[in-house]
Amino acid sequence: MKNEIVQLEFDNDIYNTIRHNIKKYRREKKLTSAQLAEMIGLSHDFIRQIESEKVGNNFSVDTLYKIAVVLEVSLDRLIEK
């Protein structure tokens, strides 16, 4: 058997994918960014930054997990293209 190299596809825009999905699922739950922020113990400004494409990639896995729990979606749904 030959060893074959599998070409993997990576989402080169993963942070924007996550931003889009957070905003989408937040709106589906009819939550404002302020309400989401309060539910996970972060500032409203920080949630706005996460959802903004103008801000750097500055959120942790812990924050992403908390957002997923509040929005009642799995982590893989937040990273789904």
Protein backbone atom coordinates (compact mmCIF):
# COMPACT_ATOMS: atom_id res chain seq x y z
CA MET A 1 0.00 0.00 0.00
CA LYS A 2 1.17 3.45 -0.85
CA ASN A 3 0.96 6.24 1.63
CA GLU A 4 -1.29 8.82 0.10
CA ILE A 5 -1.27 12.42 1.14
CA VAL A 6 -4.78 13.65 1.70
CA GLN A 7 -5.42 17.25 0.78
CA LEU A 8 -7.40 18.90 3.53
CA GLU A 9 -9.54 21.94 2.99
CA PHE A 10 -9.36 24.62 5.63
CA ASP A 11 -11.68 27.58 6.02
CA ASN A 12 -9.24 30.46 5.58
CA ASP A 13 -11.90 32.85 6.77
CA ILE A 14 -12.92 30.89 9.89
CA TYR A 15 -13.32 33.93 12.16
CA ASN A 16 -15.74 35.57 9.73
CA THR A 17 -17.64 32.29 9.41
CA ILE A 18 -17.95 32.16 13.20
CA ARG A 19 -19.00 35.83 13.38
CA HIS A 20 -21.69 35.29 10.76
CA ASN A 21 -23.03 32.19 12.52
CA ILE A 22 -23.09 33.79 15.97
CA LYS A 23 -25.10 36.70 14.62
CA LYS A 24 -27.41 34.36 12.67
CA TYR A 25 -28.20 32.09 15.62
CA ARG A 26 -28.49 35.03 18.02
CA ARG A 27 -31.10 36.62 15.77
CA GLU A 28 -32.94 33.29 15.43
CA LYS A 29 -33.18 33.19 19.24
CA LYS A 30 -34.42 36.80 19.11
CA LEU A 31 -31.62 37.97 21.40
CA THR A 32 -29.89 41.32 21.22
CA SER A 33 -26.12 41.39 21.47
CA ALA A 34 -26.57 43.05 24.88
CA GLN A 35 -28.74 40.15 26.09
CA LEU A 36 -26.24 37.59 24.81
CA ALA A 37 -23.42 39.47 26.52
CA GLU A 38 -25.26 39.52 29.84
CA MET A 39 -26.04 35.80 29.62
CA ILE A 40 -22.37 34.86 29.19
CA GLY A 41 -20.94 37.50 31.51
CA LEU A 42 -19.18 39.66 28.95
CA SER A 43 -19.59 43.28 27.95
CA HIS A 44 -21.95 44.33 25.21
CA ASP A 45 -19.03 45.97 23.41
CA PHE A 46 -17.11 42.69 23.41
CA ILE A 47 -20.02 40.84 21.76
CA ARG A 48 -20.33 43.62 19.19
CA GLN A 49 -16.60 43.26 18.50
CA ILE A 50 -16.92 39.50 18.04
CA GLU A 51 -19.69 40.03 15.49
CA SER A 52 -17.83 42.83 13.70
CA GLU A 53 -15.54 42.02 10.78
CA LYS A 54 -13.54 45.17 11.55
CA VAL A 55 -12.14 43.85 14.82
CA GLY A 56 -9.32 41.38 15.30
CA ASN A 57 -9.70 37.73 16.06
CA ASN A 58 -9.80 38.02 19.81
CA PHE A 59 -12.21 35.49 21.26
CA SER A 60 -11.35 32.32 23.11
CA VAL A 61 -12.66 28.78 22.87
CA ASP A 62 -14.23 29.34 26.30
CA THR A 63 -16.17 32.35 24.97
CA LEU A 64 -17.19 30.43 21.86
CA TYR A 65 -18.40 27.53 24.03
CA LYS A 66 -20.48 29.84 26.26
CA ILE A 67 -22.05 31.49 23.23
CA ALA A 68 -22.92 28.06 21.79
CA VAL A 69 -24.57 27.01 25.06
CA VAL A 70 -26.68 30.18 25.27
CA LEU A 71 -27.67 29.94 21.60
CA GLU A 72 -28.40 26.22 22.05
CA VAL A 73 -26.25 25.18 19.09
CA SER A 74 -23.27 22.87 18.93
CA LEU A 75 -19.79 24.28 18.44
CA ASP A 76 -19.62 22.67 15.02
CA ARG A 77 -22.67 24.70 13.96
CA LEU A 78 -20.75 27.89 14.79
CA ILE A 79 -17.85 26.92 12.55
CA GLU A 80 -19.99 25.54 9.71
CA LYS A 81 -19.51 27.34 6.40
